[in-house]
C-alpha atoms as a PDB file:
ATOM      1  CA  MET A   1      98.591 128.222 106.962  1.00  0.00           C
ATOM      2  CA  ASP A   2      97.121 124.745 106.217  1.00  0.00           C
ATOM      3  CA  PHE A   3     100.517 123.723 104.899  1.00  0.00           C
ATOM      4  CA  ALA A   4      99.581 120.082 104.348  1.00  0.00           C
ATOM      5  CA  ARG A   5      96.530 120.950 102.264  1.00  0.00           C
ATOM      6  CA  VAL A   6      98.439 123.564 100.271  1.00  0.00           C
ATOM      7  CA  LEU A   7     101.651 121.127  99.935  1.00  0.00           C
ATOM      8  CA  ASP A   8      99.447 118.602  98.580  1.00  0.00           C
ATOM      9  CA  MET A   9      97.540 121.047  96.248  1.00  0.00           C
ATOM     10  CA  VAL A  10     101.346 122.115  94.694  1.00  0.00           C
ATOM     11  CA  ALA A  11     102.588 118.647  94.530  1.00  0.00           C
ATOM     12  CA  GLN A  12      99.794 117.542  93.046  1.00  0.00           C
ATOM     13  CA  PHE A  13      99.605 119.762  89.858  1.00  0.00           C
ATOM     14  CA  LEU A  14     103.965 119.134  90.017  1.00  0.00           C
ATOM     15  CA  ASP A  15     103.081 115.530  89.462  1.00  0.00           C
ATOM     16  CA  VAL A  16     100.490 115.709  87.042  1.00  0.00           C
ATOM     17  CA  GLY A  17     103.020 117.852  84.998  1.00  0.00           C
ATOM     18  CA  GLY A  18     105.976 115.703  85.905  1.00  0.00           C
ATOM     19  CA  PHE A  19     108.118 118.364  87.510  1.00  0.00           C
ATOM     20  CA  ARG A  20     110.649 117.147  90.218  1.00  0.00           C
ATOM     21  CA  TYR A  21     110.392 118.808  93.730  1.00  0.00           C
ATOM     22  CA  GLY A  22     110.790 119.221  96.771  1.00  0.00           C
ATOM     23  CA  VAL A  23     110.957 120.367 100.262  1.00  0.00           C
ATOM     24  CA  VAL A  24     113.553 123.091 101.366  1.00  0.00           C
ATOM     25  CA  GLY A  25     113.339 125.968 104.338  1.00  0.00           C
ATOM     26  CA  SER A  26     111.864 124.850 107.380  1.00  0.00           C
ATOM     27  CA  PHE A  27     110.258 121.994 106.176  1.00  0.00           C
ATOM     28  CA  GLY A  28     113.518 120.171 104.717  1.00  0.00           C
ATOM     29  CA  LEU A  29     114.814 121.002 107.771  1.00  0.00           C
ATOM     30  CA  HIS A  30     112.236 119.325 110.181  1.00  0.00           C
ATOM     31  CA  ALA A  31     112.418 116.308 107.995  1.00  0.00           C
ATOM     32  CA  TYR A  32     116.155 116.422 109.624  1.00  0.00           C
ATOM     33  CA  GLY A  33     114.649 116.470 113.206  1.00  0.00           C
ATOM     34  CA  ILE A  34     115.443 119.983 112.991  1.00  0.00           C
ATOM     35  CA  ASP A  35     112.381 122.538 114.145  1.00  0.00           C
ATOM     36  CA  ARG A  36     112.317 125.925 113.196  1.00  0.00           C
ATOM     37  CA  ALA A  37     109.132 128.199 113.246  1.00  0.00           C
ATOM     38  CA  THR A  38     107.883 129.026 109.793  1.00  0.00           C
ATOM     39  CA  ALA A  39     104.919 131.240 108.098  1.00  0.00           C
ATOM     40  CA  ASP A  40     105.752 129.367 104.485  1.00  0.00           C
ATOM     41  CA  VAL A  41     106.380 126.642 102.354  1.00  0.00           C
ATOM     42  CA  ASP A  42     109.435 126.651 100.372  1.00  0.00           C
ATOM     43  CA  LEU A  43     110.214 123.971  97.067  1.00  0.00           C
ATOM     44  CA  VAL A  44     112.632 123.506  95.089  1.00  0.00           C
ATOM     45  CA  VAL A  45     111.302 122.471  91.503  1.00  0.00           C
ATOM     46  CA  ASP A  46     112.209 121.585  88.026  1.00  0.00           C
ATOM     47  CA  GLU A  47     112.733 125.040  86.431  1.00  0.00           C
ATOM     48  CA  GLN A  48     110.439 124.160  83.556  1.00  0.00           C
ATOM     49  CA  ALA A  49     107.338 124.003  85.650  1.00  0.00           C
ATOM     50  CA  GLN A  50     107.956 128.391  86.429  1.00  0.00           C
ATOM     51  CA  ARG A  51     105.590 129.475  84.071  1.00  0.00           C
ATOM     52  CA  PRO A  52     102.667 126.444  84.411  1.00  0.00           C
ATOM     53  CA  LEU A  53     102.961 126.938  87.819  1.00  0.00           C
ATOM     54  CA  VAL A  54     103.066 130.632  88.358  1.00  0.00           C
ATOM     55  CA  ALA A  55      99.513 130.475  86.084  1.00  0.00           C
ATOM     56  CA  ARG A  56      98.229 128.301  88.122  1.00  0.00           C
ATOM     57  CA  LEU A  57      98.735 129.874  91.835  1.00  0.00           C
ATOM     58  CA  GLU A  58      97.409 132.858  90.186  1.00  0.00           C
ATOM     59  CA  SER A  59      94.194 130.902  88.731  1.00  0.00           C
ATOM     60  CA  LEU A  60      93.872 129.650  92.530  1.00  0.00           C
ATOM     61  CA  GLY A  61      94.079 133.465  93.728  1.00  0.00           C
ATOM     62  CA  TYR A  62      98.230 133.799  94.715  1.00  0.00           C
ATOM     63  CA  GLU A  63      99.388 137.220  94.225  1.00  0.00           C
ATOM     64  CA  THR A  64     102.542 136.852  92.556  1.00  0.00           C
ATOM     65  CA  LEU A  65     105.063 139.223  94.840  1.00  0.00           C
ATOM     66  CA  GLN A  66     108.432 138.459  92.547  1.00  0.00           C
ATOM     67  CA  VAL A  67     109.332 136.653  89.602  1.00  0.00           C
ATOM     68  CA  SER A  68     112.551 135.951  88.015  1.00  0.00           C
ATOM     69  CA  ALA A  69     115.049 133.340  86.267  1.00  0.00           C
ATOM     70  CA  GLY A  70     115.218 131.202  89.545  1.00  0.00           C
ATOM     71  CA  TYR A  71     112.700 132.312  92.313  1.00  0.00           C
ATOM     72  CA  SER A  72     109.532 133.092  92.563  1.00  0.00           C
ATOM     73  CA  ASN A  73     107.274 134.146  95.893  1.00  0.00           C
ATOM     74  CA  HIS A  74     103.539 133.977  96.256  1.00  0.00           C
ATOM     75  CA  VAL A  75     101.085 134.919  98.693  1.00  0.00           C
ATOM     76  CA  HIS A  76      97.092 134.227  99.106  1.00  0.00           C
ATOM     77  CA  PRO A  77      95.050 136.618 100.737  1.00  0.00           C
ATOM     78  CA  LEU A  78      93.318 133.585 102.722  1.00  0.00           C
ATOM     79  CA  PRO A  79      95.477 132.826 105.734  1.00  0.00           C
ATOM     80  CA  ALA A  80      94.993 129.369 105.363  1.00  0.00           C
ATOM     81  CA  MET A  81      96.287 129.009 101.723  1.00  0.00           C
ATOM     82  CA  GLY A  82      99.771 131.270 102.726  1.00  0.00           C
ATOM     83  CA  ARG A  83     102.874 132.036 101.204  1.00  0.00           C
ATOM     84  CA  LEU A  84     104.728 130.041  98.473  1.00  0.00           C
ATOM     85  CA  ASP A  85     108.251 130.303  97.693  1.00  0.00           C
ATOM     86  CA  PHE A  86     110.267 128.213  95.016  1.00  0.00           C
ATOM     87  CA  ILE A  87     113.761 128.093  93.616  1.00  0.00           C
ATOM     88  CA  TYR A  88     113.692 126.701  90.372  1.00  0.00           C
ATOM     89  CA  LEU A  89     116.309 124.331  89.373  1.00  0.00           C
ATOM     90  CA  ASP A  90     118.315 124.145  85.987  1.00  0.00           C
ATOM     91  CA  ALA A  91     118.563 120.113  84.786  1.00  0.00           C
ATOM     92  CA  PRO A  92     122.763 119.817  85.949  1.00  0.00           C
ATOM     93  CA  THR A  93     121.465 121.170  89.048  1.00  0.00           C
ATOM     94  CA  ALA A  94     118.232 119.403  89.633  1.00  0.00           C
ATOM     95  CA  ASP A  95     119.781 116.082  88.213  1.00  0.00           C
ATOM     96  CA  LEU A  96     122.570 116.391  90.773  1.00  0.00           C
ATOM     97  CA  LEU A  97     119.682 117.118  94.060  1.00  0.00           C
ATOM     98  CA  PHE A  98     116.733 115.012  92.878  1.00  0.00           C
ATOM     99  CA  ALA A  99     119.155 111.949  92.382  1.00  0.00           C
ATOM    100  CA  ALA A 100     120.755 112.338  95.772  1.00  0.00           C
ATOM    101  CA  GLY A 101     117.660 113.281  97.632  1.00  0.00           C
ATOM    102  CA  THR A 102     115.444 110.920 100.028  1.00  0.00           C
ATOM    103  CA  ARG A 103     111.690 110.802 100.310  1.00  0.00           C
ATOM    104  CA  LEU A 104     110.639 111.692 103.664  1.00  0.00           C
ATOM    105  CA  VAL A 105     107.500 111.745 105.094  1.00  0.00           C
ATOM    106  CA  LEU A 106     106.531 114.909 107.596  1.00  0.00           C
ATOM    107  CA  PRO A 107     104.026 114.929 110.022  1.00  0.00           C
ATOM    108  CA  GLY A 108     100.443 115.255 108.698  1.00  0.00           C
ATOM    109  CA  VAL A 109     102.062 115.653 105.157  1.00  0.00           C
ATOM    110  CA  ARG A 110     102.235 113.898 101.790  1.00  0.00           C
ATOM    111  CA  ALA A 111     106.110 111.555 101.177  1.00  0.00           C
ATOM    112  CA  VAL A 112     107.767 114.635  99.481  1.00  0.00           C
ATOM    113  CA  ALA A 113     111.476 115.121  98.631  1.00  0.00           C
ATOM    114  CA  VAL A 114     113.942 116.426 100.927  1.00  0.00           C
ATOM    115  CA  PRO A 115     117.293 117.066  99.583  1.00  0.00           C
ATOM    116  CA  ARG A 116     120.334 115.764 101.204  1.00  0.00           C
ATOM    117  CA  PRO A 117     121.526 118.143 104.469  1.00  0.00           C
ATOM    118  CA  GLU A 118     124.473 118.989 102.466  1.00  0.00           C
ATOM    119  CA  HIS A 119     122.182 120.336  99.541  1.00  0.00           C
ATOM    120  CA  LEU A 120     119.798 121.950 102.010  1.00  0.00           C
ATOM    121  CA  ALA A 121     123.339 124.135 103.777  1.00  0.00           C
ATOM    122  CA  ALA A 122     124.103 124.977 100.113  1.00  0.00           C
ATOM    123  CA  LEU A 123     120.546 126.551  99.501  1.00  0.00           C
ATOM    124  CA  LYS A 124     121.484 128.284 103.052  1.00  0.00           C
ATOM    125  CA  VAL A 125     124.798 129.720 101.582  1.00  0.00           C
ATOM    126  CA  LEU A 126     123.487 131.316  98.708  1.00  0.00           C
ATOM    127  CA  ALA A 127     120.904 132.699 100.446  1.00  0.00           C
ATOM    128  CA  MET A 128     123.586 134.168 103.038  1.00  0.00           C
ATOM    129  CA  LYS A 129     125.074 135.214  99.898  1.00  0.00           C
ATOM    130  CA  ASN A 130     122.015 136.978  98.058  1.00  0.00           C
ATOM    131  CA  ASP A 131     120.569 138.542 101.632  1.00  0.00           C
ATOM    132  CA  PRO A 132     123.329 139.031 103.810  1.00  0.00           C
ATOM    133  CA  SER A 133     120.120 140.294 106.153  1.00  0.00           C
ATOM    134  CA  ARG A 134     119.839 136.689 106.288  1.00  0.00           C
ATOM    135  CA  THR A 135     123.175 135.473 107.933  1.00  0.00           C
ATOM    136  CA  LEU A 136     122.330 135.067 111.061  1.00  0.00           C
ATOM    137  CA  ARG A 137     119.761 132.682 110.615  1.00  0.00           C
ATOM    138  CA  GLU A 138     120.886 130.537 107.955  1.00  0.00           C
ATOM    139  CA  MET A 139     124.059 130.388 110.110  1.00  0.00           C
ATOM    140  CA  ALA A 140     122.057 128.469 112.963  1.00  0.00           C
ATOM    141  CA  ASP A 141     120.158 126.327 110.522  1.00  0.00           C
ATOM    142  CA  ILE A 142     123.713 125.216 109.069  1.00  0.00           C
ATOM    143  CA  GLN A 143     125.427 124.488 112.403  1.00  0.00           C
ATOM    144  CA  ALA A 144     122.462 122.420 113.289  1.00  0.00           C
ATOM    145  CA  LEU A 145     122.985 120.649 109.912  1.00  0.00           C
ATOM    146  CA  LEU A 146     126.651 120.199 110.675  1.00  0.00           C
ATOM    147  CA  GLU A 147     125.626 118.554 113.224  1.00  0.00           C
ATOM    148  CA  LEU A 148     123.529 115.758 112.525  1.00  0.00           C
ATOM    149  CA  PRO A 149     125.405 112.415 112.433  1.00  0.00           C
ATOM    150  CA  GLY A 150     127.391 111.418 108.826  1.00  0.00           C
ATOM    151  CA  VAL A 151     127.160 114.853 107.427  1.00  0.00           C
ATOM    152  CA  ASP A 152     129.866 115.387 104.772  1.00  0.00           C
ATOM    153  CA  GLU A 153     131.512 119.103 106.398  1.00  0.00           C
ATOM    154  CA  ASN A 154     133.972 118.886 103.664  1.00  0.00           C
ATOM    155  CA  GLU A 155     130.976 119.480 101.006  1.00  0.00           C
ATOM    156  CA  ILE A 156     129.664 121.957 103.068  1.00  0.00           C
ATOM    157  CA  ARG A 157     132.260 124.017 103.771  1.00  0.00           C
ATOM    158  CA  GLY A 158     132.820 124.153  99.765  1.00  0.00           C
ATOM    159  CA  TYR A 159     129.891 125.532  99.110  1.00  0.00           C
ATOM    160  CA  PHE A 160     130.822 128.540 101.445  1.00  0.00           C
ATOM    161  CA  GLU A 161     134.212 128.745  99.432  1.00  0.00           C
ATOM    162  CA  GLN A 162     132.483 128.694  96.166  1.00  0.00           C
ATOM    163  CA  HIS A 163     130.654 131.779  97.195  1.00  0.00           C
ATOM    164  CA  GLY A 164     133.232 133.368  98.971  1.00  0.00           C
ATOM    165  CA  LEU A 165     131.865 133.132 102.403  1.00  0.00           C
ATOM    166  CA  ARG A 166     134.289 130.749 104.226  1.00  0.00           C
ATOM    167  CA  GLU A 167     134.800 132.871 107.007  1.00  0.00           C
ATOM    168  CA  ARG A 168     131.077 132.313 107.894  1.00  0.00           C
ATOM    169  CA  PHE A 169     131.792 128.822 107.788  1.00  0.00           C
ATOM    170  CA  ASP A 170     134.665 129.300 110.000  1.00  0.00           C
ATOM    171  CA  ASP A 171     132.571 131.300 112.059  1.00  0.00           C
ATOM    172  CA  ILE A 172     130.273 128.025 113.024  1.00  0.00           C
ATOM    173  CA  ARG A 173     132.982 125.712 113.453  1.00  0.00           C
ATOM    174  CA  ARG A 174     134.248 128.248 116.203  1.00  0.00           C
ATOM    175  CA  ALA A 175     130.296 128.297 117.645  1.00  0.00           C
ATOM    176  CA  MET A 176     130.777 124.513 117.770  1.00  0.00           C
ATOM    177  CA  GLY A 177     133.658 124.396 119.115  1.00  0.00           C
ATOM    178  CA  SER A 178     136.247 123.226 116.530  1.00  0.00           C
ATOM    179  CA  ASP A 179     137.992 125.342 114.629  1.00  0.00           C
ATOM    180  CA  ASP A 180     140.497 123.176 113.806  1.00  0.00           C
ATOM    181  CA  HIS A 181     138.530 122.610 110.150  1.00  0.00           C
END
């Protein structure tokens, strides 16, 4: 997949529409120095972008694999165009996430918004809750986020508690050599 080309194409469309967006998933992690292999691009986007974005992607040859109020997944038959996964944020969530995020330059890619590490962790907790088969991978990523300097561990713990997964947070802390939190 030509990540830079695909991200630039999507970003240009979202910029013209005035929609806020940011990278999450492996690219979000990479912005903080955490490397994980990926075969897709994951983005958070204003929920108002969903209908025009899905139509635009389909006009470019992407097949929509799934679409719901909060998510959509798309794949192109050309490997260079790859797979795109979107998380659509309601206004209050988007305001919180985009106000606190930062713009980072990813190697070979345009400057793009990346949520705070705590918000990346929140998305990963939600992914674990929605698809338990992702638990081990997401926990490893959250552990790496917790190891970043200045990360608010209490905020991340709160996301686990909010979704009824506190024991998973405790598992991560034990793996890090500390279970006093």
